[in-house]
C-alpha atoms as a PDB file:
ATOM      1  CA  UNK A   1      33.589  27.488-122.962  1.00  0.00           C
ATOM      2  CA  UNK A   2      34.834  27.223-126.344  1.00  0.00           C
ATOM      3  CA  UNK A   3      33.883  23.790-128.740  1.00  0.00           C
ATOM      4  CA  UNK A   4      35.936  21.378-129.555  1.00  0.00           C
ATOM      5  CA  UNK A   5      35.211  18.840-132.386  1.00  0.00           C
ATOM      6  CA  UNK A   6      38.488  16.339-131.742  1.00  0.00           C
ATOM      7  CA  UNK A   7      38.924  14.131-134.986  1.00  0.00           C
ATOM      8  CA  UNK A   8      41.251  11.154-135.472  1.00  0.00           C
ATOM      9  CA  UNK A   9      41.414   7.487-136.590  1.00  0.00           C
ATOM     10  CA  UNK A  10      42.907   6.272-133.437  1.00  0.00           C
ATOM     11  CA  UNK A  11      40.623   5.505-130.488  1.00  0.00           C
ATOM     12  CA  UNK A  12      43.737   5.777-128.052  1.00  0.00           C
ATOM     13  CA  UNK A  13      44.370   8.969-129.206  1.00  0.00           C
ATOM     14  CA  UNK A  14      40.989  10.269-129.283  1.00  0.00           C
ATOM     15  CA  UNK A  15      40.182   8.853-125.391  1.00  0.00           C
ATOM     16  CA  UNK A  16      43.412  10.272-124.293  1.00  0.00           C
ATOM     17  CA  UNK A  17      43.360  13.518-125.829  1.00  0.00           C
ATOM     18  CA  UNK A  18      39.388  13.738-124.340  1.00  0.00           C
ATOM     19  CA  UNK A  19      40.362  12.649-120.875  1.00  0.00           C
ATOM     20  CA  UNK A  20      43.042  13.463-119.852  1.00  0.00           C
ATOM     21  CA  UNK A  21      44.222  16.618-120.536  1.00  0.00           C
ATOM     22  CA  UNK A  22      42.438  19.696-118.407  1.00  0.00           C
ATOM     23  CA  UNK A  23      40.419  21.613-120.773  1.00  0.00           C
ATOM     24  CA  UNK A  24      38.274  23.224-118.987  1.00  0.00           C
ATOM     25  CA  UNK A  25      41.262  24.720-117.148  1.00  0.00           C
ATOM     26  CA  UNK A  26      42.199  26.633-120.297  1.00  0.00           C
ATOM     27  CA  UNK A  27      38.386  27.626-121.399  1.00  0.00           C
ATOM     28  CA  UNK A  28      37.398  24.837-123.671  1.00  0.00           C
ATOM     29  CA  UNK A  29      34.867  21.887-123.668  1.00  0.00           C
ATOM     30  CA  UNK A  30      35.775  18.702-126.636  1.00  0.00           C
ATOM     31  CA  UNK A  31      32.267  18.206-126.906  1.00  0.00           C
ATOM     32  CA  UNK A  32      32.241  15.921-129.918  1.00  0.00           C
ATOM     33  CA  UNK A  33      34.748  12.969-131.463  1.00  0.00           C
ATOM     34  CA  UNK A  34      34.995  11.164-134.836  1.00  0.00           C
ATOM     35  CA  UNK A  35      37.074   8.724-136.445  1.00  0.00           C
ATOM     36  CA  UNK A  36      37.077  10.566-139.877  1.00  0.00           C
ATOM     37  CA  UNK A  37      36.768  13.800-141.921  1.00  0.00           C
ATOM     38  CA  UNK A  38      33.324  12.838-143.079  1.00  0.00           C
ATOM     39  CA  UNK A  39      31.708  12.085-139.780  1.00  0.00           C
ATOM     40  CA  UNK A  40      33.463  15.709-139.035  1.00  0.00           C
ATOM     41  CA  UNK A  41      31.577  16.920-141.712  1.00  0.00           C
ATOM     42  CA  UNK A  42      28.213  15.550-140.932  1.00  0.00           C
ATOM     43  CA  UNK A  43      28.269  16.415-137.187  1.00  0.00           C
ATOM     44  CA  UNK A  44      29.448  20.089-138.486  1.00  0.00           C
ATOM     45  CA  UNK A  45      26.328  20.726-140.280  1.00  0.00           C
ATOM     46  CA  UNK A  46      24.148  19.843-136.897  1.00  0.00           C
ATOM     47  CA  UNK A  47      26.299  21.480-134.276  1.00  0.00           C
ATOM     48  CA  UNK A  48      28.303  24.691-134.136  1.00  0.00           C
ATOM     49  CA  UNK A  49      31.389  24.114-132.811  1.00  0.00           C
ATOM     50  CA  UNK A  50      34.659  26.954-132.133  1.00  0.00           C
ATOM     51  CA  UNK A  51      37.706  24.686-132.890  1.00  0.00           C
ATOM     52  CA  UNK A  52      38.448  21.561-134.942  1.00  0.00           C
ATOM     53  CA  UNK A  53      41.630  19.385-133.632  1.00  0.00           C
ATOM     54  CA  UNK A  54      42.022  17.109-136.419  1.00  0.00           C
ATOM     55  CA  UNK A  55      44.313  14.336-137.395  1.00  0.00           C
ATOM     56  CA  UNK A  56      46.141  14.855-141.186  1.00  0.00           C
ATOM     57  CA  UNK A  57      46.232  11.269-142.174  1.00  0.00           C
ATOM     58  CA  UNK A  58      43.286   9.596-141.868  1.00  0.00           C
ATOM     59  CA  UNK A  59      40.423   7.133-143.864  1.00  0.00           C
ATOM     60  CA  UNK A  60      37.386   8.477-145.769  1.00  0.00           C
ATOM     61  CA  UNK A  61      38.506  11.924-145.420  1.00  0.00           C
ATOM     62  CA  UNK A  62      41.913  12.984-144.182  1.00  0.00           C
ATOM     63  CA  UNK A  63      42.523  16.521-142.450  1.00  0.00           C
ATOM     64  CA  UNK A  64      43.275  18.536-145.350  1.00  0.00           C
ATOM     65  CA  UNK A  65      40.259  17.956-147.359  1.00  0.00           C
ATOM     66  CA  UNK A  66      38.421  17.993-143.956  1.00  0.00           C
ATOM     67  CA  UNK A  67      40.176  21.688-143.800  1.00  0.00           C
ATOM     68  CA  UNK A  68      39.366  22.763-147.633  1.00  0.00           C
ATOM     69  CA  UNK A  69      35.796  22.039-146.898  1.00  0.00           C
ATOM     70  CA  UNK A  70      35.251  23.901-144.236  1.00  0.00           C
ATOM     71  CA  UNK A  71      37.082  26.820-145.452  1.00  0.00           C
ATOM     72  CA  UNK A  72      34.394  26.257-149.156  1.00  0.00           C
ATOM     73  CA  UNK A  73      31.286  26.393-146.412  1.00  0.00           C
ATOM     74  CA  UNK A  74      32.791  29.403-144.513  1.00  0.00           C
ATOM     75  CA  UNK A  75      32.307  27.828-141.678  1.00  0.00           C
ATOM     76  CA  UNK A  76      33.836  30.231-138.432  1.00  0.00           C
ATOM     77  CA  UNK A  77      36.035  27.396-137.234  1.00  0.00           C
ATOM     78  CA  UNK A  78      39.753  27.608-135.932  1.00  0.00           C
ATOM     79  CA  UNK A  79      41.094  24.430-137.236  1.00  0.00           C
ATOM     80  CA  UNK A  80      44.587  22.947-135.057  1.00  0.00           C
ATOM     81  CA  UNK A  81      46.155  19.802-136.947  1.00  0.00           C
ATOM     82  CA  UNK A  82      47.647  17.008-135.289  1.00  0.00           C
ATOM     83  CA  UNK A  83      50.606  16.190-137.509  1.00  0.00           C
ATOM     84  CA  UNK A  84      53.809  13.364-137.269  1.00  0.00           C
ATOM     85  CA  UNK A  85      56.836  15.205-137.900  1.00  0.00           C
ATOM     86  CA  UNK A  86      56.524  13.497-141.694  1.00  0.00           C
ATOM     87  CA  UNK A  87      53.339  15.404-142.543  1.00  0.00           C
ATOM     88  CA  UNK A  88      54.897  18.788-141.870  1.00  0.00           C
ATOM     89  CA  UNK A  89      54.465  19.414-145.788  1.00  0.00           C
ATOM     90  CA  UNK A  90      50.925  19.043-145.443  1.00  0.00           C
ATOM     91  CA  UNK A  91      50.644  20.940-142.558  1.00  0.00           C
ATOM     92  CA  UNK A  92      52.116  24.143-144.186  1.00  0.00           C
ATOM     93  CA  UNK A  93      49.910  23.632-146.972  1.00  0.00           C
ATOM     94  CA  UNK A  94      46.820  23.272-145.040  1.00  0.00           C
ATOM     95  CA  UNK A  95      47.564  26.885-143.998  1.00  0.00           C
ATOM     96  CA  UNK A  96      45.526  28.048-147.337  1.00  0.00           C
ATOM     97  CA  UNK A  97      42.606  26.360-146.055  1.00  0.00           C
ATOM     98  CA  UNK A  98      42.229  28.121-142.433  1.00  0.00           C
ATOM     99  CA  UNK A  99      44.884  26.184-140.446  1.00  0.00           C
ATOM    100  CA  UNK A 100      45.922  28.563-137.253  1.00  0.00           C
ATOM    101  CA  UNK A 101      48.552  26.145-135.582  1.00  0.00           C
ATOM    102  CA  UNK A 102      49.812  22.291-135.511  1.00  0.00           C
ATOM    103  CA  UNK A 103      50.670  20.165-132.656  1.00  0.00           C
ATOM    104  CA  UNK A 104      53.275  17.013-133.364  1.00  0.00           C
ATOM    105  CA  UNK A 105      51.344  13.794-132.223  1.00  0.00           C
ATOM    106  CA  UNK A 106      51.373  12.114-130.095  1.00  0.00           C
ATOM    107  CA  UNK A 107      50.906  15.443-128.528  1.00  0.00           C
ATOM    108  CA  UNK A 108      52.785  16.994-125.206  1.00  0.00           C
ATOM    109  CA  UNK A 109      51.247  18.570-122.620  1.00  0.00           C
ATOM    110  CA  UNK A 110      53.374  21.886-122.713  1.00  0.00           C
ATOM    111  CA  UNK A 111      52.945  21.871-126.020  1.00  0.00           C
ATOM    112  CA  UNK A 112      48.479  21.338-126.027  1.00  0.00           C
ATOM    113  CA  UNK A 113      48.730  23.858-123.468  1.00  0.00           C
ATOM    114  CA  UNK A 114      51.214  26.296-125.325  1.00  0.00           C
ATOM    115  CA  UNK A 115      48.816  26.397-128.530  1.00  0.00           C
ATOM    116  CA  UNK A 116      45.397  26.681-127.041  1.00  0.00           C
ATOM    117  CA  UNK A 117      46.558  29.181-124.753  1.00  0.00           C
ATOM    118  CA  UNK A 118      47.264  31.307-127.770  1.00  0.00           C
ATOM    119  CA  UNK A 119      44.135  30.028-129.415  1.00  0.00           C
ATOM    120  CA  UNK A 120      41.912  30.937-126.459  1.00  0.00           C
ATOM    121  CA  UNK A 121      43.238  34.622-126.331  1.00  0.00           C
ATOM    122  CA  UNK A 122      43.144  34.968-130.127  1.00  0.00           C
ATOM    123  CA  UNK A 123      39.358  33.549-129.883  1.00  0.00           C
ATOM    124  CA  UNK A 124      38.632  36.372-126.728  1.00  0.00           C
ATOM    125  CA  UNK A 125      39.939  38.971-128.958  1.00  0.00           C
ATOM    126  CA  UNK A 126      37.553  38.188-131.844  1.00  0.00           C
ATOM    127  CA  UNK A 127      34.730  37.984-129.428  1.00  0.00           C
ATOM    128  CA  UNK A 128      35.376  41.341-127.584  1.00  0.00           C
ATOM    129  CA  UNK A 129      36.079  43.335-131.580  1.00  0.00           C
ATOM    130  CA  UNK A 130      32.717  41.517-133.310  1.00  0.00           C
ATOM    131  CA  UNK A 131      30.316  44.261-134.122  1.00  0.00           C
ATOM    132  CA  UNK A 132      27.270  44.604-131.384  1.00  0.00           C
ATOM    133  CA  UNK A 133      23.619  44.220-132.569  1.00  0.00           C
ATOM    134  CA  UNK A 134      23.466  47.839-133.178  1.00  0.00           C
ATOM    135  CA  UNK A 135      26.108  48.341-135.218  1.00  0.00           C
ATOM    136  CA  UNK A 136      25.116  50.540-138.793  1.00  0.00           C
ATOM    137  CA  UNK A 137      24.958  48.066-142.325  1.00  0.00           C
ATOM    138  CA  UNK A 138      27.964  50.110-143.016  1.00  0.00           C
ATOM    139  CA  UNK A 139      29.902  49.065-140.212  1.00  0.00           C
ATOM    140  CA  UNK A 140      29.086  45.041-139.959  1.00  0.00           C
ATOM    141  CA  UNK A 141      29.543  44.816-144.308  1.00  0.00           C
ATOM    142  CA  UNK A 142      33.325  46.553-143.623  1.00  0.00           C
ATOM    143  CA  UNK A 143      33.476  44.285-140.530  1.00  0.00           C
ATOM    144  CA  UNK A 144      32.431  41.144-142.368  1.00  0.00           C
ATOM    145  CA  UNK A 145      34.901  42.059-145.687  1.00  0.00           C
ATOM    146  CA  UNK A 146      38.136  42.350-142.877  1.00  0.00           C
ATOM    147  CA  UNK A 147      37.121  39.092-141.346  1.00  0.00           C
ATOM    148  CA  UNK A 148      36.615  37.009-144.164  1.00  0.00           C
ATOM    149  CA  UNK A 149      40.163  38.589-145.826  1.00  0.00           C
ATOM    150  CA  UNK A 150      41.856  37.958-142.897  1.00  0.00           C
ATOM    151  CA  UNK A 151      41.205  34.153-143.038  1.00  0.00           C
ATOM    152  CA  UNK A 152      41.316  34.209-146.783  1.00  0.00           C
ATOM    153  CA  UNK A 153      44.135  36.578-147.519  1.00  0.00           C
ATOM    154  CA  UNK A 154      46.145  34.078-149.148  1.00  0.00           C
ATOM    155  CA  UNK A 155      43.306  33.260-152.433  1.00  0.00           C
ATOM    156  CA  UNK A 156      40.738  35.408-152.468  1.00  0.00           C
ATOM    157  CA  UNK A 157      39.500  38.391-154.820  1.00  0.00           C
ATOM    158  CA  UNK A 158      36.726  41.087-155.386  1.00  0.00           C
ATOM    159  CA  UNK A 159      34.304  38.696-156.787  1.00  0.00           C
ATOM    160  CA  UNK A 160      34.889  36.323-153.321  1.00  0.00           C
ATOM    161  CA  UNK A 161      33.465  39.404-151.689  1.00  0.00           C
ATOM    162  CA  UNK A 162      30.832  40.528-154.400  1.00  0.00           C
ATOM    163  CA  UNK A 163      29.372  37.602-153.704  1.00  0.00           C
ATOM    164  CA  UNK A 164      29.837  37.361-150.129  1.00  0.00           C
ATOM    165  CA  UNK A 165      28.332  40.446-149.792  1.00  0.00           C
ATOM    166  CA  UNK A 166      26.050  40.372-152.867  1.00  0.00           C
ATOM    167  CA  UNK A 167      27.379  43.475-153.897  1.00  0.00           C
ATOM    168  CA  UNK A 168      28.868  43.893-157.725  1.00  0.00           C
ATOM    169  CA  UNK A 169      32.989  43.866-157.617  1.00  0.00           C
ATOM    170  CA  UNK A 170      33.173  47.597-158.360  1.00  0.00           C
ATOM    171  CA  UNK A 171      31.338  48.592-156.009  1.00  0.00           C
ATOM    172  CA  UNK A 172      32.641  46.821-153.266  1.00  0.00           C
ATOM    173  CA  UNK A 173      35.998  48.612-154.232  1.00  0.00           C
ATOM    174  CA  UNK A 174      34.357  51.907-153.856  1.00  0.00           C
ATOM    175  CA  UNK A 175      32.586  50.912-150.962  1.00  0.00           C
ATOM    176  CA  UNK A 176      35.645  49.971-148.941  1.00  0.00           C
ATOM    177  CA  UNK A 177      37.660  53.077-149.978  1.00  0.00           C
ATOM    178  CA  UNK A 178      34.648  55.296-149.436  1.00  0.00           C
ATOM    179  CA  UNK A 179      34.022  53.550-145.699  1.00  0.00           C
ATOM    180  CA  UNK A 180      37.653  53.467-144.406  1.00  0.00           C
ATOM    181  CA  UNK A 181      39.983  55.735-146.487  1.00  0.00           C
ATOM    182  CA  UNK A 182      42.134  52.590-147.935  1.00  0.00           C
ATOM    183  CA  UNK A 183      41.883  50.852-151.035  1.00  0.00           C
ATOM    184  CA  UNK A 184      41.249  47.063-150.318  1.00  0.00           C
ATOM    185  CA  UNK A 185      44.610  46.192-152.130  1.00  0.00           C
ATOM    186  CA  UNK A 186      46.364  48.190-149.450  1.00  0.00           C
ATOM    187  CA  UNK A 187      44.371  46.472-146.927  1.00  0.00           C
ATOM    188  CA  UNK A 188      44.910  43.227-148.559  1.00  0.00           C
ATOM    189  CA  UNK A 189      48.492  43.794-148.669  1.00  0.00           C
ATOM    190  CA  UNK A 190      48.951  44.620-145.464  1.00  0.00           C
ATOM    191  CA  UNK A 191      47.321  41.419-144.162  1.00  0.00           C
ATOM    192  CA  UNK A 192      49.617  39.179-146.137  1.00  0.00           C
ATOM    193  CA  UNK A 193      53.172  41.433-145.253  1.00  0.00           C
ATOM    194  CA  UNK A 194      51.750  40.554-142.015  1.00  0.00           C
ATOM    195  CA  UNK A 195      51.382  37.305-142.121  1.00  0.00           C
ATOM    196  CA  UNK A 196      54.253  36.511-144.188  1.00  0.00           C
ATOM    197  CA  UNK A 197      56.858  38.274-141.587  1.00  0.00           C
ATOM    198  CA  UNK A 198      55.466  36.150-138.885  1.00  0.00           C
ATOM    199  CA  UNK A 199      56.121  33.013-141.137  1.00  0.00           C
ATOM    200  CA  UNK A 200      59.322  34.255-141.957  1.00  0.00           C
ATOM    201  CA  UNK A 201      60.520  34.254-138.158  1.00  0.00           C
ATOM    202  CA  UNK A 202      59.885  30.129-138.633  1.00  0.00           C
ATOM    203  CA  UNK A 203      62.940  28.805-140.164  1.00  0.00           C
ATOM    204  CA  UNK A 204      60.818  25.929-141.350  1.00  0.00           C
ATOM    205  CA  UNK A 205      59.351  27.290-144.016  1.00  0.00           C
ATOM    206  CA  UNK A 206      61.248  28.924-146.702  1.00  0.00           C
ATOM    207  CA  UNK A 207      61.016  31.604-149.265  1.00  0.00           C
ATOM    208  CA  UNK A 208      59.273  30.764-151.985  1.00  0.00           C
ATOM    209  CA  UNK A 209      56.925  28.625-149.518  1.00  0.00           C
ATOM    210  CA  UNK A 210      56.009  31.998-147.695  1.00  0.00           C
ATOM    211  CA  UNK A 211      55.625  33.531-151.345  1.00  0.00           C
ATOM    212  CA  UNK A 212      52.869  30.776-151.984  1.00  0.00           C
ATOM    213  CA  UNK A 213      51.066  30.705-148.954  1.00  0.00           C
ATOM    214  CA  UNK A 214      50.293  34.659-148.431  1.00  0.00           C
ATOM    215  CA  UNK A 215      49.209  34.205-152.451  1.00  0.00           C
ATOM    216  CA  UNK A 216      51.718  35.476-154.550  1.00  0.00           C
ATOM    217  CA  UNK A 217      52.893  32.619-157.116  1.00  0.00           C
ATOM    218  CA  UNK A 218      55.591  34.519-158.746  1.00  0.00           C
ATOM    219  CA  UNK A 219      58.166  35.005-155.480  1.00  0.00           C
ATOM    220  CA  UNK A 220      59.965  37.713-157.050  1.00  0.00           C
ATOM    221  CA  UNK A 221      56.781  39.776-156.859  1.00  0.00           C
ATOM    222  CA  UNK A 222      56.632  38.471-152.957  1.00  0.00           C
ATOM    223  CA  UNK A 223      60.158  39.951-152.859  1.00  0.00           C
ATOM    224  CA  UNK A 224      59.333  43.526-154.168  1.00  0.00           C
ATOM    225  CA  UNK A 225      56.020  43.591-152.438  1.00  0.00           C
ATOM    226  CA  UNK A 226      57.871  42.648-149.065  1.00  0.00           C
ATOM    227  CA  UNK A 227      60.748  45.298-149.584  1.00  0.00           C
ATOM    228  CA  UNK A 228      58.699  47.987-150.541  1.00  0.00           C
ATOM    229  CA  UNK A 229      56.305  47.758-147.329  1.00  0.00           C
ATOM    230  CA  UNK A 230      59.052  46.533-144.658  1.00  0.00           C
ATOM    231  CA  UNK A 231      62.309  48.364-146.358  1.00  0.00           C
ATOM    232  CA  UNK A 232      64.488  45.360-146.379  1.00  0.00           C
ATOM    233  CA  UNK A 233      63.848  41.713-148.433  1.00  0.00           C
ATOM    234  CA  UNK A 234      62.534  38.642-146.924  1.00  0.00           C
ATOM    235  CA  UNK A 235      66.457  37.055-146.602  1.00  0.00           C
ATOM    236  CA  UNK A 236      67.097  40.241-144.795  1.00  0.00           C
ATOM    237  CA  UNK A 237      64.333  40.520-142.478  1.00  0.00           C
ATOM    238  CA  UNK A 238      64.980  36.728-141.179  1.00  0.00           C
ATOM    239  CA  UNK A 239      68.672  37.238-140.891  1.00  0.00           C
ATOM    240  CA  UNK A 240      67.764  40.384-138.701  1.00  0.00           C
ATOM    241  CA  UNK A 241      65.525  37.950-137.131  1.00  0.00           C
ATOM    242  CA  UNK A 242      67.868  35.466-136.410  1.00  0.00           C
ATOM    243  CA  UNK A 243      70.161  37.753-135.128  1.00  0.00           C
ATOM    244  CA  UNK A 244      67.929  39.385-132.226  1.00  0.00           C
ATOM    245  CA  UNK A 245      67.389  35.587-131.282  1.00  0.00           C
ATOM    246  CA  UNK A 246      71.157  34.825-130.783  1.00  0.00           C
ATOM    247  CA  UNK A 247      71.801  37.959-129.452  1.00  0.00           C
ATOM    248  CA  UNK A 248      68.892  37.629-126.640  1.00  0.00           C
END
């Protein structure tokens, strides 16, 4: 069972989600619930969980700041937001802090089921691809770099990796290239472009928002890189996606 920490300032919603959804059938267990982000962090400092299901707007510490703190502490936790329609902007902003999905309050059965079914598949994949205890030091370092990059692609540098792996930035760059055959910058671009393509399938996002969310402060640079990678501009890619959906 994957462990869930539920955080919401409304007791009714906490009780409803905890007691009336068949989490066990999907492979999850709500092990604890809190009414704000501060109490959630206190719990996380003493206990390990796999998933954080949290409201966005709460007193004392809201969901955005809670997600930011978890991201800064590099805790390996999957974050899902509970949000009202009017909070959608904040939900998008929090993608940079590792939020993987969101559920619109009060949370319809079908939506919760879909989000957590997909999350279960992702968690199972991560477990199956985790390095065994017998892997070499080199394999473990490369695995660590790749997993950290997948979670922090929007705001990552060689300095971050150097601090994580206790190596110099230049050595990290050389090490990654030597062991994988790929420059780290190329690997990072691949992660960003795949995420951008995924977001372009969601028409709630504007192109300049996607640019920012995947780590490009200049939309022109993002468009140039996207076209280099996929052969079409983000707009052309989105239009093709729309045509495909229409024709289905």
